[in-house]
Structure formats: structure tokens, C-alpha cells
PDB file of N, CA and C in Angstrom:
ATOM      1  N   MET A   1      96.591 155.149 177.463  1.00  0.00           N
ATOM      2  CA  MET A   1      97.537 154.636 176.746  1.00  0.00           C
ATOM      3  C   MET A   1      96.931 153.395 176.177  1.00  0.00           C
ATOM      4  N   LYS A   2      97.525 153.078 175.071  1.00  0.00           N
ATOM      5  CA  LYS A   2      96.886 151.802 174.244  1.00  0.00           C
ATOM      6  C   LYS A   2      97.851 150.934 173.915  1.00  0.00           C
ATOM      7  N   ILE A   3      97.774 149.552 174.060  1.00  0.00           N
ATOM      8  CA  ILE A   3      98.701 148.431 173.805  1.00  0.00           C
ATOM      9  C   ILE A   3      98.193 147.693 172.684  1.00  0.00           C
ATOM     10  N   PHE A   4      98.892 147.601 171.694  1.00  0.00           N
ATOM     11  CA  PHE A   4      98.601 146.470 170.748  1.00  0.00           C
ATOM     12  C   PHE A   4      99.332 145.508 170.593  1.00  0.00           C
ATOM     13  N   SER A   5      99.006 144.080 170.164  1.00  0.00           N
ATOM     14  CA  SER A   5      99.984 143.016 170.098  1.00  0.00           C
ATOM     15  C   SER A   5      99.945 142.653 168.597  1.00  0.00           C
ATOM     16  N   GLY A   6     101.009 142.555 167.976  1.00  0.00           N
ATOM     17  CA  GLY A   6     101.197 141.871 166.830  1.00  0.00           C
ATOM     18  C   GLY A   6     101.067 140.422 166.888  1.00  0.00           C
ATOM     19  N   THR A   7     101.391 139.729 165.862  1.00  0.00           N
ATOM     20  CA  THR A   7     101.245 138.181 166.006  1.00  0.00           C
ATOM     21  C   THR A   7     102.222 137.497 166.681  1.00  0.00           C
ATOM     22  N   SER A   8     103.222 137.986 167.019  1.00  0.00           N
ATOM     23  CA  SER A   8     104.390 137.077 167.256  1.00  0.00           C
ATOM     24  C   SER A   8     104.444 136.904 169.023  1.00  0.00           C
ATOM     25  N   ASN A   9     103.897 137.556 169.668  1.00  0.00           N
ATOM     26  CA  ASN A   9     103.889 137.214 171.096  1.00  0.00           C
ATOM     27  C   ASN A   9     102.661 138.021 171.915  1.00  0.00           C
ATOM     28  N   LYS A  10     101.454 137.428 171.640  1.00  0.00           N
ATOM     29  CA  LYS A  10     100.237 137.869 172.245  1.00  0.00           C
ATOM     30  C   LYS A  10     100.380 137.807 173.854  1.00  0.00           C
ATOM     31  N   PRO A  11     100.631 136.538 174.167  1.00  0.00           N
ATOM     32  CA  PRO A  11     100.559 136.384 175.650  1.00  0.00           C
ATOM     33  C   PRO A  11     101.412 137.307 176.457  1.00  0.00           C
ATOM     34  N   LEU A  12     102.773 137.619 175.918  1.00  0.00           N
ATOM     35  CA  LEU A  12     103.506 138.745 176.453  1.00  0.00           C
ATOM     36  C   LEU A  12     102.789 140.229 176.560  1.00  0.00           C
ATOM     37  N   ALA A  13     102.101 140.531 175.515  1.00  0.00           N
ATOM     38  CA  ALA A  13     101.295 141.526 175.371  1.00  0.00           C
ATOM     39  C   ALA A  13     100.264 141.778 176.312  1.00  0.00           C
ATOM     40  N   GLU A  14      99.666 140.578 176.689  1.00  0.00           N
ATOM     41  CA  GLU A  14      98.596 140.476 177.694  1.00  0.00           C
ATOM     42  C   GLU A  14      98.755 140.752 178.929  1.00  0.00           C
ATOM     43  N   LYS A  15     100.249 140.169 179.226  1.00  0.00           N
ATOM     44  CA  LYS A  15     101.074 140.156 180.514  1.00  0.00           C
ATOM     45  C   LYS A  15     101.207 141.649 180.780  1.00  0.00           C
ATOM     46  N   ILE A  16     101.739 142.504 179.914  1.00  0.00           N
ATOM     47  CA  ILE A  16     101.957 143.739 180.033  1.00  0.00           C
ATOM     48  C   ILE A  16     100.820 144.605 180.189  1.00  0.00           C
ATOM     49  N   ALA A  17      99.836 144.351 179.389  1.00  0.00           N
ATOM     50  CA  ALA A  17      98.312 145.184 179.730  1.00  0.00           C
ATOM     51  C   ALA A  17      97.951 144.704 180.962  1.00  0.00           C
ATOM     52  N   LYS A  18      97.979 143.443 181.407  1.00  0.00           N
ATOM     53  CA  LYS A  18      97.622 143.190 182.961  1.00  0.00           C
ATOM     54  C   LYS A  18      98.071 143.954 183.807  1.00  0.00           C
ATOM     55  N   ASN A  19      99.417 143.923 183.762  1.00  0.00           N
ATOM     56  CA  ASN A  19     100.254 144.546 184.620  1.00  0.00           C
ATOM     57  C   ASN A  19      99.950 146.266 185.116  1.00  0.00           C
ATOM     58  N   LEU A  20      99.380 146.651 183.754  1.00  0.00           N
ATOM     59  CA  LEU A  20      99.365 148.112 183.553  1.00  0.00           C
ATOM     60  C   LEU A  20      97.909 148.584 183.849  1.00  0.00           C
ATOM     61  N   ASN A  21      96.942 147.295 184.089  1.00  0.00           N
ATOM     62  CA  ASN A  21      95.363 147.267 184.388  1.00  0.00           C
ATOM     63  C   ASN A  21      94.831 147.889 183.130  1.00  0.00           C
ATOM     64  N   LEU A  22      95.254 147.418 182.018  1.00  0.00           N
ATOM     65  CA  LEU A  22      94.846 147.873 180.756  1.00  0.00           C
ATOM     66  C   LEU A  22      94.166 146.630 179.997  1.00  0.00           C
ATOM     67  N   LYS A  23      93.597 146.812 178.953  1.00  0.00           N
ATOM     68  CA  LYS A  23      93.094 145.551 178.093  1.00  0.00           C
ATOM     69  C   LYS A  23      93.758 145.871 176.747  1.00  0.00           C
ATOM     70  N   LEU A  24      94.163 144.772 175.972  1.00  0.00           N
ATOM     71  CA  LEU A  24      94.704 145.045 174.434  1.00  0.00           C
ATOM     72  C   LEU A  24      93.666 145.838 173.677  1.00  0.00           C
ATOM     73  N   SER A  25      94.386 146.730 173.051  1.00  0.00           N
ATOM     74  CA  SER A  25      93.551 147.595 171.998  1.00  0.00           C
ATOM     75  C   SER A  25      93.319 146.342 170.915  1.00  0.00           C
ATOM     76  N   GLY A  26      92.114 146.865 170.075  1.00  0.00           N
ATOM     77  CA  GLY A  26      91.701 145.842 168.931  1.00  0.00           C
ATOM     78  C   GLY A  26      92.412 146.384 167.532  1.00  0.00           C
ATOM     79  N   LEU A  27      92.793 145.367 167.058  1.00  0.00           N
ATOM     80  CA  LEU A  27      93.388 145.306 165.624  1.00  0.00           C
ATOM     81  C   LEU A  27      93.031 144.363 164.644  1.00  0.00           C
ATOM     82  N   GLU A  28      92.955 144.439 163.448  1.00  0.00           N
ATOM     83  CA  GLU A  28      92.618 143.470 162.392  1.00  0.00           C
ATOM     84  C   GLU A  28      93.880 142.987 161.732  1.00  0.00           C
ATOM     85  N   VAL A  29      94.260 141.764 161.415  1.00  0.00           N
ATOM     86  CA  VAL A  29      95.397 141.304 160.628  1.00  0.00           C
ATOM     87  C   VAL A  29      94.795 140.457 159.599  1.00  0.00           C
ATOM     88  N   PHE A  30      95.359 141.012 158.363  1.00  0.00           N
ATOM     89  CA  PHE A  30      95.018 140.238 157.138  1.00  0.00           C
ATOM     90  C   PHE A  30      96.219 139.881 156.413  1.00  0.00           C
ATOM     91  N   VAL A  31      96.270 138.543 156.373  1.00  0.00           N
ATOM     92  CA  VAL A  31      97.484 138.130 155.611  1.00  0.00           C
ATOM     93  C   VAL A  31      97.411 137.724 154.366  1.00  0.00           C
ATOM     94  N   PHE A  32      98.269 138.260 153.213  1.00  0.00           N
ATOM     95  CA  PHE A  32      98.203 137.916 151.991  1.00  0.00           C
ATOM     96  C   PHE A  32      98.724 136.727 151.671  1.00  0.00           C
ATOM     97  N   PRO A  33      98.337 136.140 150.387  1.00  0.00           N
ATOM     98  CA  PRO A  33      98.919 134.711 149.988  1.00  0.00           C
ATOM     99  C   PRO A  33     100.536 134.974 149.706  1.00  0.00           C
ATOM    100  N   ASP A  34     101.262 135.973 149.759  1.00  0.00           N
ATOM    101  CA  ASP A  34     102.734 136.112 149.993  1.00  0.00           C
ATOM    102  C   ASP A  34     103.335 136.207 151.311  1.00  0.00           C
ATOM    103  N   LYS A  35     102.302 135.990 152.347  1.00  0.00           N
ATOM    104  CA  LYS A  35     102.726 136.446 153.976  1.00  0.00           C
ATOM    105  C   LYS A  35     102.698 137.714 154.252  1.00  0.00           C
ATOM    106  N   GLU A  36     102.889 138.512 153.360  1.00  0.00           N
ATOM    107  CA  GLU A  36     102.936 140.152 153.592  1.00  0.00           C
ATOM    108  C   GLU A  36     101.449 140.127 154.490  1.00  0.00           C
ATOM    109  N   LYS A  37     101.659 141.215 155.362  1.00  0.00           N
ATOM    110  CA  LYS A  37     100.411 141.547 156.306  1.00  0.00           C
ATOM    111  C   LYS A  37      99.823 142.985 156.258  1.00  0.00           C
ATOM    112  N   ARG A  38      98.828 142.993 156.386  1.00  0.00           N
ATOM    113  CA  ARG A  38      98.072 144.401 156.664  1.00  0.00           C
ATOM    114  C   ARG A  38      97.393 144.328 157.837  1.00  0.00           C
ATOM    115  N   ILE A  39      97.894 145.534 158.653  1.00  0.00           N
ATOM    116  CA  ILE A  39      97.213 145.636 160.154  1.00  0.00           C
ATOM    117  C   ILE A  39      96.321 146.959 159.920  1.00  0.00           C
ATOM    118  N   ARG A  40      95.238 146.694 160.447  1.00  0.00           N
ATOM    119  CA  ARG A  40      94.018 147.818 160.665  1.00  0.00           C
ATOM    120  C   ARG A  40      93.871 147.881 162.108  1.00  0.00           C
ATOM    121  N   ILE A  41      94.333 149.137 162.692  1.00  0.00           N
ATOM    122  CA  ILE A  41      93.843 149.566 163.939  1.00  0.00           C
ATOM    123  C   ILE A  41      92.732 149.816 164.223  1.00  0.00           C
ATOM    124  N   LEU A  42      91.652 149.495 165.047  1.00  0.00           N
ATOM    125  CA  LEU A  42      90.203 149.724 165.032  1.00  0.00           C
ATOM    126  C   LEU A  42      89.998 150.502 166.457  1.00  0.00           C
ATOM    127  N   ASP A  43      90.919 151.015 167.581  1.00  0.00           N
ATOM    128  CA  ASP A  43      90.711 151.949 168.567  1.00  0.00           C
ATOM    129  C   ASP A  43      91.332 153.200 167.977  1.00  0.00           C
ATOM    130  N   LYS A  44      90.602 154.325 168.458  1.00  0.00           N
ATOM    131  CA  LYS A  44      91.323 155.590 168.175  1.00  0.00           C
ATOM    132  C   LYS A  44      92.564 155.919 168.953  1.00  0.00           C
ATOM    133  N   VAL A  45      93.538 156.406 168.284  1.00  0.00           N
ATOM    134  CA  VAL A  45      94.903 156.404 168.946  1.00  0.00           C
ATOM    135  C   VAL A  45      95.553 158.037 169.019  1.00  0.00           C
ATOM    136  N   LEU A  46      94.727 158.978 168.552  1.00  0.00           N
ATOM    137  CA  LEU A  46      95.006 160.346 168.339  1.00  0.00           C
ATOM    138  C   LEU A  46      95.156 160.656 169.845  1.00  0.00           C
ATOM    139  N   ASP A  47      96.211 161.398 170.226  1.00  0.00           N
ATOM    140  CA  ASP A  47      96.547 161.915 171.387  1.00  0.00           C
ATOM    141  C   ASP A  47      96.627 160.958 172.574  1.00  0.00           C
ATOM    142  N   GLU A  48      97.264 159.691 172.163  1.00  0.00           N
ATOM    143  CA  GLU A  48      97.231 158.597 173.266  1.00  0.00           C
ATOM    144  C   GLU A  48      98.913 158.087 173.028  1.00  0.00           C
ATOM    145  N   ASP A  49      99.060 157.481 174.048  1.00  0.00           N
ATOM    146  CA  ASP A  49     100.576 156.864 174.147  1.00  0.00           C
ATOM    147  C   ASP A  49     100.224 155.603 173.600  1.00  0.00           C
ATOM    148  N   VAL A  50     101.090 155.019 172.770  1.00  0.00           N
ATOM    149  CA  VAL A  50     100.783 153.646 172.072  1.00  0.00           C
ATOM    150  C   VAL A  50     102.003 152.900 172.201  1.00  0.00           C
ATOM    151  N   VAL A  51     101.891 151.566 172.418  1.00  0.00           N
ATOM    152  CA  VAL A  51     102.833 150.448 172.542  1.00  0.00           C
ATOM    153  C   VAL A  51     102.551 149.470 171.801  1.00  0.00           C
ATOM    154  N   VAL A  52     103.359 148.989 170.870  1.00  0.00           N
ATOM    155  CA  VAL A  52     103.130 147.676 170.128  1.00  0.00           C
ATOM    156  C   VAL A  52     104.083 146.713 170.618  1.00  0.00           C
ATOM    157  N   VAL A  53     103.725 145.593 170.708  1.00  0.00           N
ATOM    158  CA  VAL A  53     104.567 144.358 171.033  1.00  0.00           C
ATOM    159  C   VAL A  53     104.396 143.414 170.059  1.00  0.00           C
ATOM    160  N   GLN A  54     105.675 143.552 169.465  1.00  0.00           N
ATOM    161  CA  GLN A  54     105.954 142.794 168.184  1.00  0.00           C
ATOM    162  C   GLN A  54     107.508 142.608 168.077  1.00  0.00           C
ATOM    163  N   SER A  55     107.767 141.403 167.625  1.00  0.00           N
ATOM    164  CA  SER A  55     109.351 141.082 167.310  1.00  0.00           C
ATOM    165  C   SER A  55     109.426 141.465 166.021  1.00  0.00           C
ATOM    166  N   THR A  56     110.796 141.569 165.562  1.00  0.00           N
ATOM    167  CA  THR A  56     110.978 141.848 164.439  1.00  0.00           C
ATOM    168  C   THR A  56     111.307 140.739 163.712  1.00  0.00           C
ATOM    169  N   SER A  57     111.237 140.691 162.162  1.00  0.00           N
ATOM    170  CA  SER A  57     111.518 139.280 161.628  1.00  0.00           C
ATOM    171  C   SER A  57     112.866 139.754 160.634  1.00  0.00           C
ATOM    172  N   SER A  58     113.301 138.882 160.217  1.00  0.00           N
ATOM    173  CA  SER A  58     114.597 138.899 159.568  1.00  0.00           C
ATOM    174  C   SER A  58     114.643 139.166 158.184  1.00  0.00           C
ATOM    175  N   PRO A  59     115.403 140.012 157.582  1.00  0.00           N
ATOM    176  CA  PRO A  59     115.320 140.834 156.158  1.00  0.00           C
ATOM    177  C   PRO A  59     115.064 139.770 155.273  1.00  0.00           C
TER     178      PRO A  59
END
């Protein structure tokens, strides 16, 4: 299982990972000037269960 944290609540993602005896998986976040974000997953996730901890934003 892989657990990724978005930018909204890394402490929560860390607690979830710790409770599952896992470490957070790696990702890279690039923020564009207009505040859009590009996320690059650094770990292999093929054939893995993946959890992303991230709140949604208003439209």
C-alpha cells in the first residue's frame, strides 16, 4: 500500500501512515504562477493499493 499526502493536511496523512506502519510515499508538487498545481508521483504504484490524503477545494 502507498500513502500520499497532498498539500492540505500532511500531519493527518503522517498519522494515518504511522498507524498502518508505513511511510508516506514520495511526490513532487510544482505550483504555477496562477496557483494551479502539478503533482508528480515519485514511487512506483503499479499493482499497489493507493491512498491520497487531500481535501477538496471549492470550485
